[in-house]
Amino acid sequence: MKGYVHSFESLAAVDGDGLRYGVFLAGCPLRCVYCHNPDTWTVGAGQSFEASELVKKIARYRSYFGERGGVTFSGGEPLLQAEWLCEVAELLRNEGIGYVLDTSGGVPLTEAVRTLLAGAQGILLDLKFPDEESYRRYTGRGISETLAMLDYLESIGKETRIRIVVVPGINDSEDALERYLVHLRGKNCVSEVELLGFHTMGFHKYEALGIENRLSGTAALDPAKKDRLQAFVNAQLNK
């Protein structure tokens, strides 16, 4: 079995604890209005790898990982290739290398997906929007699979960092973020809620690919505003 990788990032420091090797897999079931990597959407695109080939490539960086580092699988949506990733995960385990999954949660909880979630060092779970209507409007899919994954992560006690992209004019207010927190309060698995500011660095990709950019007139989120909203979220969760 082969998997498809869009790109790599060596020694990443923002996608999980410690120094990490980032593997961005090809294919995504969502079409998020703010996506800055629309070039990862196509299933089966990118460079193909046998599981052993990919692990050999990752293992070259093992000396940098230390106790907390490892590899982070992102995308696209890495869990679209869950069966292949199970092969990769088993080989990584043999090499003493841990992994983190950066996922939208927008996939069914198959046996392979559950196996990967349970074996991960931690999960970065993107909560795209706070309800079914906004999910449908801005991602093209519903919220139920993501919430089901969050419930599963809670049931197995898997440390989970929630990520929320804050977009001017859509969800850049305390009232909007309060609607996300309804899903997160009381979830012991949630170690952190991280706000990510919307940016325009991927706009050129939409033009190059001939894809409509629904946020073409939207400016990047002011970092100071992001910090204020992050403080609000932290205070609400610590009540």
Protein backbone atom coordinates (compact mmCIF):
# COMPACT_ATOMS: atom_id res chain seq x y z
CA MET A 1 0.00 0.00 0.00
CA LYS A 2 1.20 3.50 -0.84
CA GLY A 3 0.34 6.83 0.68
CA TYR A 4 0.45 10.27 -0.88
CA VAL A 5 2.42 13.15 0.62
CA HIS A 6 2.05 16.75 -0.46
CA SER A 7 5.13 18.18 1.28
CA PHE A 8 7.47 18.03 4.26
CA GLU A 9 8.67 20.48 6.90
CA SER A 10 11.85 19.58 8.74
CA LEU A 11 12.24 20.53 12.42
CA ALA A 12 8.87 22.25 12.87
CA ALA A 13 8.24 23.70 16.33
CA VAL A 14 4.56 24.72 16.25
CA ASP A 15 2.71 21.46 15.46
CA GLY A 16 3.05 19.62 18.75
CA ASP A 17 5.56 19.46 21.58
CA GLY A 18 9.30 19.56 20.92
CA LEU A 19 11.01 19.56 17.55
CA ARG A 20 8.98 17.71 14.95
CA TYR A 21 9.18 16.53 11.36
CA GLY A 22 6.05 17.70 9.56
CA VAL A 23 4.46 15.43 6.94
CA PHE A 24 1.60 17.03 5.01
CA LEU A 25 -0.56 14.40 3.37
CA ALA A 26 -2.57 14.96 0.18
CA GLY A 27 -6.36 14.98 0.17
CA CYS A 28 -9.03 16.69 2.25
CA PRO A 29 -12.82 16.20 2.52
CA LEU A 30 -13.41 19.83 3.56
CA ARG A 31 -13.29 23.02 1.54
CA CYS A 32 -12.70 25.54 4.30
CA VAL A 33 -13.27 29.11 3.18
CA TYR A 34 -10.05 30.23 4.90
CA CYS A 35 -7.81 27.34 3.78
CA HIS A 36 -4.29 28.51 2.94
CA ASN A 37 -3.32 25.17 1.37
CA PRO A 38 -5.92 24.47 -1.35
CA ASP A 39 -3.14 22.67 -3.22
CA THR A 40 -3.52 19.80 -0.68
CA TRP A 41 -7.20 19.12 -1.44
CA THR A 42 -6.85 16.48 -4.17
CA VAL A 43 -6.86 12.86 -2.99
CA GLY A 44 -4.05 10.83 -4.56
CA ALA A 45 -2.00 13.86 -5.58
CA GLY A 46 1.55 14.39 -4.42
CA GLN A 47 4.51 12.04 -4.08
CA SER A 48 3.74 8.40 -3.30
CA PHE A 49 5.56 6.45 -0.59
CA GLU A 50 5.59 2.96 0.80
CA ALA A 51 5.31 3.08 4.59
CA SER A 52 8.89 1.89 4.99
CA GLU A 53 10.18 4.58 2.62
CA LEU A 54 8.53 7.35 4.60
CA VAL A 55 9.74 6.04 7.96
CA LYS A 56 13.28 5.82 6.66
CA LYS A 57 13.06 9.48 5.63
CA ILE A 58 11.65 10.51 9.03
CA ALA A 59 14.21 8.49 10.99
CA ARG A 60 17.05 10.62 9.64
CA TYR A 61 15.88 13.36 12.01
CA ARG A 62 15.49 11.15 15.10
CA SER A 63 18.50 12.65 16.89
CA TYR A 64 16.74 16.04 16.96
CA PHE A 65 13.47 14.85 18.47
CA GLY A 66 14.51 14.26 22.07
CA GLU A 67 11.89 12.89 24.49
CA ARG A 68 9.01 15.17 23.42
CA GLY A 69 9.51 15.53 19.66
CA GLY A 70 8.65 13.28 16.76
CA VAL A 71 6.65 13.50 13.58
CA THR A 72 3.39 15.39 12.98
CA PHE A 73 1.00 14.20 10.28
CA SER A 74 -1.02 17.06 8.85
CA GLY A 75 -2.52 17.90 5.49
CA GLY A 76 -4.88 18.13 3.90
CA GLU A 77 -6.53 15.59 6.17
CA PRO A 78 -4.12 12.82 7.21
CA LEU A 79 -6.86 10.48 8.42
CA LEU A 80 -8.17 10.08 4.87
CA GLN A 81 -5.20 7.73 4.54
CA ALA A 82 -5.72 6.03 7.90
CA GLU A 83 -5.00 2.44 6.83
CA TRP A 84 -1.66 3.40 5.29
CA LEU A 85 -0.84 5.58 8.31
CA CYS A 86 -1.42 2.56 10.56
CA GLU A 87 1.41 0.83 8.70
CA VAL A 88 3.58 3.92 9.13
CA ALA A 89 2.73 4.19 12.83
CA GLU A 90 3.71 0.60 13.51
CA LEU A 91 7.10 1.11 11.87
CA LEU A 92 7.60 4.37 13.77
CA ARG A 93 6.86 2.53 17.02
CA ASN A 94 9.59 0.03 16.15
CA GLU A 95 11.97 2.97 15.65
CA GLY A 96 10.99 4.59 18.95
CA ILE A 97 9.49 7.63 17.20
CA GLY A 98 6.18 9.12 18.34
CA TYR A 99 3.63 10.97 16.25
CA VAL A 100 1.01 13.70 16.57
CA LEU A 101 -2.06 13.98 14.34
CA ASP A 102 -3.25 17.37 13.10
CA THR A 103 -6.81 16.65 11.98
CA SER A 104 -10.10 18.34 11.18
CA GLY A 105 -11.92 15.36 12.63
CA GLY A 106 -13.99 15.33 9.47
CA VAL A 107 -13.77 11.58 8.84
CA PRO A 108 -15.72 8.55 10.11
CA LEU A 109 -14.36 6.81 13.22
CA THR A 110 -13.23 3.64 11.50
CA GLU A 111 -11.12 1.04 13.29
CA ALA A 112 -8.00 2.40 11.59
CA VAL A 113 -8.81 5.96 12.66
CA ARG A 114 -9.41 4.88 16.26
CA THR A 115 -6.13 2.96 16.28
CA LEU A 116 -4.21 6.01 15.08
CA LEU A 117 -5.88 8.35 17.57
CA ALA A 118 -5.19 5.99 20.47
CA GLY A 119 -1.53 5.56 19.54
CA ALA A 120 -0.70 9.23 19.05
CA GLN A 121 1.39 11.35 21.42
CA GLY A 122 -1.37 13.92 21.18
CA ILE A 123 -3.99 15.36 18.87
CA LEU A 124 -4.32 18.78 17.26
CA LEU A 125 -8.04 18.97 16.51
CA ASP A 126 -9.31 21.81 14.33
CA LEU A 127 -12.75 23.01 15.36
CA LYS A 128 -13.61 24.89 12.22
CA PHE A 129 -16.88 26.55 13.24
CA PRO A 130 -19.27 26.25 16.19
CA ASP A 131 -22.42 24.76 14.64
CA GLU A 132 -23.89 22.76 11.78
CA GLU A 133 -25.04 25.79 9.78
CA SER A 134 -21.67 27.55 9.78
CA TYR A 135 -19.82 24.30 9.11
CA ARG A 136 -21.97 23.67 6.04
CA ARG A 137 -21.62 27.27 4.88
CA TYR A 138 -17.86 27.61 5.30
CA THR A 139 -16.48 24.05 4.91
CA GLY A 140 -19.04 22.24 2.77
CA ARG A 141 -19.50 19.49 5.39
CA GLY A 142 -21.25 19.10 8.74
CA ILE A 143 -19.93 19.26 12.30
CA SER A 144 -21.08 15.83 13.54
CA GLU A 145 -17.94 13.84 12.67
CA THR A 146 -15.67 16.37 14.39
CA LEU A 147 -17.77 16.34 17.56
CA ALA A 148 -17.89 12.54 17.49
CA MET A 149 -14.09 12.47 17.31
CA LEU A 150 -13.84 14.89 20.23
CA ASP A 151 -16.14 12.62 22.26
CA TYR A 152 -13.97 9.61 21.38
CA LEU A 153 -10.80 11.45 22.40
CA GLU A 154 -12.47 12.27 25.71
CA SER A 155 -13.46 8.64 26.21
CA ILE A 156 -9.86 7.43 25.82
CA GLY A 157 -8.30 10.35 27.70
CA LYS A 158 -6.14 11.45 24.78
CA GLU A 159 -4.52 14.84 25.23
CA THR A 160 -6.04 17.18 22.66
CA ARG A 161 -5.22 20.74 21.64
CA ILE A 162 -8.14 22.50 19.98
CA ARG A 163 -7.31 24.94 17.19
CA ILE A 164 -9.68 27.63 15.95
CA VAL A 165 -8.92 29.94 13.02
CA VAL A 166 -10.27 33.42 13.72
CA VAL A 167 -11.47 35.26 10.61
CA PRO A 168 -12.39 38.98 10.58
CA GLY A 169 -16.10 39.46 10.08
CA ILE A 170 -16.94 35.80 10.70
CA ASN A 171 -15.89 34.72 14.20
CA ASP A 172 -13.66 37.50 15.56
CA SER A 173 -15.73 38.34 18.64
CA GLU A 174 -16.20 37.07 22.18
CA ASP A 175 -19.80 36.16 21.42
CA ALA A 176 -18.75 34.07 18.43
CA LEU A 177 -16.04 32.25 20.38
CA GLU A 178 -18.40 31.56 23.27
CA ARG A 179 -20.37 29.35 20.87
CA TYR A 180 -17.28 27.18 20.35
CA LEU A 181 -16.70 26.87 24.08
CA VAL A 182 -20.07 25.17 24.55
CA HIS A 183 -18.51 22.05 22.97
CA LEU A 184 -15.31 22.24 25.01
CA ARG A 185 -16.29 22.93 28.61
CA GLY A 186 -16.04 19.81 30.76
CA LYS A 187 -13.82 17.99 28.26
CA ASN A 188 -10.89 16.78 30.36
CA CYS A 189 -8.94 15.74 27.27
CA VAL A 190 -8.70 19.37 26.07
CA SER A 191 -5.37 20.68 27.29
CA GLU A 192 -5.45 23.97 25.37
CA VAL A 193 -7.55 26.02 22.98
CA GLU A 194 -5.28 27.81 20.52
CA LEU A 195 -6.55 30.65 18.35
CA LEU A 196 -4.89 31.04 14.96
CA GLY A 197 -5.17 34.34 13.13
CA PHE A 198 -6.47 34.30 9.58
CA HIS A 199 -3.82 35.40 7.07
CA THR A 200 -3.63 36.02 3.34
CA MET A 201 -0.37 34.24 2.53
CA GLY A 202 -2.14 31.50 0.57
CA PHE A 203 -4.15 33.84 -1.67
CA HIS A 204 -1.77 33.38 -4.61
CA LYS A 205 -2.52 29.64 -4.64
CA TYR A 206 -6.21 30.24 -5.38
CA GLU A 207 -5.30 32.36 -8.38
CA ALA A 208 -2.74 29.84 -9.62
CA LEU A 209 -5.20 26.94 -9.29
CA GLY A 210 -8.17 28.84 -10.72
CA ILE A 211 -10.19 28.38 -7.50
CA GLU A 212 -12.65 31.00 -6.27
CA ASN A 213 -11.30 32.76 -3.17
CA ARG A 214 -14.39 33.66 -1.13
CA LEU A 215 -12.30 35.73 1.29
CA SER A 216 -10.37 37.70 -1.31
CA GLY A 217 -11.41 41.01 0.23
CA THR A 218 -10.70 39.98 3.83
CA ALA A 219 -7.66 41.35 5.64
CA ALA A 220 -5.46 39.35 7.98
CA LEU A 221 -6.51 39.30 11.63
CA ASP A 222 -4.84 41.97 13.76
CA PRO A 223 -2.41 40.12 16.10
CA ALA A 224 -3.38 42.38 19.00
CA LYS A 225 -7.03 41.42 18.56
CA LYS A 226 -6.09 37.74 18.43
CA ASP A 227 -4.23 38.13 21.73
CA ARG A 228 -7.27 39.78 23.35
CA LEU A 229 -9.56 37.01 22.14
CA GLN A 230 -7.09 34.35 23.29
CA ALA A 231 -7.09 35.91 26.76
CA PHE A 232 -10.91 35.79 26.75
CA VAL A 233 -10.95 32.10 25.78
CA ASN A 234 -8.34 31.21 28.41
CA ALA A 235 -10.28 33.03 31.12
CA GLN A 236 -13.55 31.32 30.17
CA LEU A 237 -12.01 27.85 30.22
CA ASN A 238 -10.32 28.45 33.56
CA LYS A 239 -13.51 29.46 35.37
